[in-house]
């Protein structure tokens, strides 16, 4: 959250570009492979499109080159770096947070901060059911292809029919899982006591304090840079 706030506070493209470079370097250091992240191509193409739009429509400062009706100005290049870099920075921060944080640890930290454990359990359940429903969606899709269902149809009415046929099995499966989960929670007396115990506790360490201090320094530095710029 602090990194995202810092990206939106600064008004110069160069700190944003430096932040994106630091995040790209932090991905392999965290044990992650950026090329294997789902949606990374869409992320890159969207950032590129945002940059091109800024170059095409922002005409401030001296002209750098002319490509027919397209005028590339220094202000357009700066706006492209700022907008595309901020978009990449926010998404990469989200990727790093989601892929490097254990859902149980996140929910436990929120509950230690005062969030009722009912909401913490809802959060962790939602996070854990996402890949389950994704896998079941692939199963439904492959099953319908095996039955001869054609998805490459451009008719709006046919698209609505295909969407209903695809969503209905997922909805039935989701309701079944919710029913089983509710029975299991009732059997374990979930919600009977105001507090609950945890198998594994996550405690505040000096490393966490250092990380919080670093985030505060970065945020204050971004605010100061924005004021002085």
Foldseek 3Di string as FASTA:
>chain_A
DLQLLLLVQFDWLPVLVVLLVVLVVVQVVLVHDLVPDPCSVVLVVVLVVQLVVLQQPDADADFDDDDDPRTGHPRSNRSSSSVSSSSSNVVSVVVCPVVNDDLVQVLLVVVVVPDFNVVSVVSSVVVVCVVVLVVVLVVQVVVVVVVVDDPPDDDPVVNVVVVCSSVVVSVVVVVVVVVVVVVVCVVVVPPPDRDDDDPDHDDDDVVNVVVVVVSVVSSVVSNVNRVVD
